[in-house]
C-alpha cells in the first residue's frame, strides 16, 4: 500500500510555484539594480550603442531588468569534468 499524503503534495506544488514566480522577479530586480549602477558611471558611453535598436530610449536600469528576466529562464547546460 502506498502512503499517499495530499498535504505534502500540495505543499510541494505551492512552494514550487512560489519559487517559479520568485526567481524571475528577483532576477529582474537584480538586473535593474546592476543596470542602474552601470548607468551611473557609463550611460554616456553605453546608451549610444543602442541607437537604431529596439532598446533605444530606455534607461540602462530597464535594459538590465529585461536582461535579468531573460537570463532567469536560460540556465547554463555546460558541465565540466576534470
C-alpha atoms as a PDB file:
ATOM      1  CA  UNK A   1       0.000   0.000   0.000  1.00  0.00           C
ATOM      2  CA  UNK A   2       1.279   3.462  -0.915  1.00  0.00           C
ATOM      3  CA  UNK A   3       1.435   6.139   1.763  1.00  0.00           C
ATOM      4  CA  UNK A   4      -0.390   8.933  -0.076  1.00  0.00           C
ATOM      5  CA  UNK A   5      -0.337  12.260   1.744  1.00  0.00           C
ATOM      6  CA  UNK A   6      -2.109  15.009  -0.209  1.00  0.00           C
ATOM      7  CA  UNK A   7      -0.903  17.701   2.193  1.00  0.00           C
ATOM      8  CA  UNK A   8       2.744  17.081   1.330  1.00  0.00           C
ATOM      9  CA  UNK A   9       1.985  17.083  -2.379  1.00  0.00           C
ATOM     10  CA  UNK A  10       0.058  20.352  -2.163  1.00  0.00           C
ATOM     11  CA  UNK A  11       2.833  21.936  -0.102  1.00  0.00           C
ATOM     12  CA  UNK A  12       5.406  20.833  -2.679  1.00  0.00           C
ATOM     13  CA  UNK A  13       3.318  22.254  -5.548  1.00  0.00           C
ATOM     14  CA  UNK A  14       2.715  25.515  -3.658  1.00  0.00           C
ATOM     15  CA  UNK A  15       6.385  26.012  -2.762  1.00  0.00           C
ATOM     16  CA  UNK A  16       7.434  25.095  -6.300  1.00  0.00           C
ATOM     17  CA  UNK A  17       5.012  27.658  -7.717  1.00  0.00           C
ATOM     18  CA  UNK A  18       6.277  30.359  -5.387  1.00  0.00           C
ATOM     19  CA  UNK A  19       9.874  29.607  -6.395  1.00  0.00           C
ATOM     20  CA  UNK A  20       8.901  29.567 -10.081  1.00  0.00           C
ATOM     21  CA  UNK A  21       7.460  33.069  -9.700  1.00  0.00           C
ATOM     22  CA  UNK A  22      10.084  34.460  -7.308  1.00  0.00           C
ATOM     23  CA  UNK A  23      13.190  33.582  -9.341  1.00  0.00           C
ATOM     24  CA  UNK A  24      12.311  35.724 -12.405  1.00  0.00           C
ATOM     25  CA  UNK A  25      11.115  38.601 -10.209  1.00  0.00           C
ATOM     26  CA  UNK A  26      14.358  38.578  -8.216  1.00  0.00           C
ATOM     27  CA  UNK A  27      16.335  38.364 -11.447  1.00  0.00           C
ATOM     28  CA  UNK A  28      14.564  41.454 -12.756  1.00  0.00           C
ATOM     29  CA  UNK A  29      15.278  43.336  -9.529  1.00  0.00           C
ATOM     30  CA  UNK A  30      18.967  42.419  -9.522  1.00  0.00           C
ATOM     31  CA  UNK A  31      19.210  43.215 -13.249  1.00  0.00           C
ATOM     32  CA  UNK A  32      17.638  46.621 -12.710  1.00  0.00           C
ATOM     33  CA  UNK A  33      19.985  47.319  -9.805  1.00  0.00           C
ATOM     34  CA  UNK A  34      23.009  46.344 -11.894  1.00  0.00           C
ATOM     35  CA  UNK A  35      21.762  48.431 -14.822  1.00  0.00           C
ATOM     36  CA  UNK A  36      21.155  51.424 -12.580  1.00  0.00           C
ATOM     37  CA  UNK A  37      24.637  51.231 -11.054  1.00  0.00           C
ATOM     38  CA  UNK A  38      26.164  50.798 -14.509  1.00  0.00           C
ATOM     39  CA  UNK A  39      24.133  53.745 -15.770  1.00  0.00           C
ATOM     40  CA  UNK A  40      25.515  55.964 -13.029  1.00  0.00           C
ATOM     41  CA  UNK A  41      29.015  55.633 -14.429  1.00  0.00           C
ATOM     42  CA  UNK A  42      28.787  54.518 -18.062  1.00  0.00           C
ATOM     43  CA  UNK A  43      25.479  55.758 -19.503  1.00  0.00           C
ATOM     44  CA  UNK A  44      27.156  58.302 -21.836  1.00  0.00           C
ATOM     45  CA  UNK A  45      29.240  55.525 -23.320  1.00  0.00           C
ATOM     46  CA  UNK A  46      26.680  52.672 -23.447  1.00  0.00           C
ATOM     47  CA  UNK A  47      23.380  54.311 -24.436  1.00  0.00           C
ATOM     48  CA  UNK A  48      24.554  55.463 -27.908  1.00  0.00           C
ATOM     49  CA  UNK A  49      25.296  51.822 -28.742  1.00  0.00           C
ATOM     50  CA  UNK A  50      21.551  51.082 -28.666  1.00  0.00           C
ATOM     51  CA  UNK A  51      20.706  53.725 -31.281  1.00  0.00           C
ATOM     52  CA  UNK A  52      18.612  52.151 -34.013  1.00  0.00           C
ATOM     53  CA  UNK A  53      17.667  49.080 -31.978  1.00  0.00           C
ATOM     54  CA  UNK A  54      14.508  48.252 -30.084  1.00  0.00           C
ATOM     55  CA  UNK A  55      16.311  49.286 -26.873  1.00  0.00           C
ATOM     56  CA  UNK A  56      16.692  52.902 -27.944  1.00  0.00           C
ATOM     57  CA  UNK A  57      15.133  55.320 -25.474  1.00  0.00           C
ATOM     58  CA  UNK A  58      15.264  53.035 -22.442  1.00  0.00           C
ATOM     59  CA  UNK A  59      17.482  53.608 -19.437  1.00  0.00           C
ATOM     60  CA  UNK A  60      20.144  51.098 -18.507  1.00  0.00           C
ATOM     61  CA  UNK A  61      18.088  50.076 -15.483  1.00  0.00           C
ATOM     62  CA  UNK A  62      15.244  48.943 -17.749  1.00  0.00           C
ATOM     63  CA  UNK A  63      17.658  47.175 -20.079  1.00  0.00           C
ATOM     64  CA  UNK A  64      19.215  45.419 -17.075  1.00  0.00           C
ATOM     65  CA  UNK A  65      15.771  44.348 -15.876  1.00  0.00           C
ATOM     66  CA  UNK A  66      14.970  42.981 -19.324  1.00  0.00           C
ATOM     67  CA  UNK A  67      18.221  41.042 -19.450  1.00  0.00           C
ATOM     68  CA  UNK A  68      17.669  39.768 -15.905  1.00  0.00           C
ATOM     69  CA  UNK A  69      14.229  38.443 -16.840  1.00  0.00           C
ATOM     70  CA  UNK A  70      15.553  36.720 -19.950  1.00  0.00           C
ATOM     71  CA  UNK A  71      18.519  35.350 -18.006  1.00  0.00           C
ATOM     72  CA  UNK A  72      16.224  33.797 -15.406  1.00  0.00           C
ATOM     73  CA  UNK A  73      14.957  31.318 -17.984  1.00  0.00           C
ATOM     74  CA  UNK A  74      18.271  30.435 -19.604  1.00  0.00           C
ATOM     75  CA  UNK A  75      20.407  28.320 -17.337  1.00  0.00           C
ATOM     76  CA  UNK A  76      23.792  27.000 -18.314  1.00  0.00           C
ATOM     77  CA  UNK A  77      23.933  23.449 -19.591  1.00  0.00           C
ATOM     78  CA  UNK A  78      27.732  23.327 -19.746  1.00  0.00           C
ATOM     79  CA  UNK A  79      29.279  20.801 -17.429  1.00  0.00           C
ATOM     80  CA  UNK A  80      32.973  20.471 -16.876  1.00  0.00           C
ATOM     81  CA  UNK A  81      34.688  17.306 -15.866  1.00  0.00           C
ATOM     82  CA  UNK A  82      38.249  17.356 -14.669  1.00  0.00           C
END
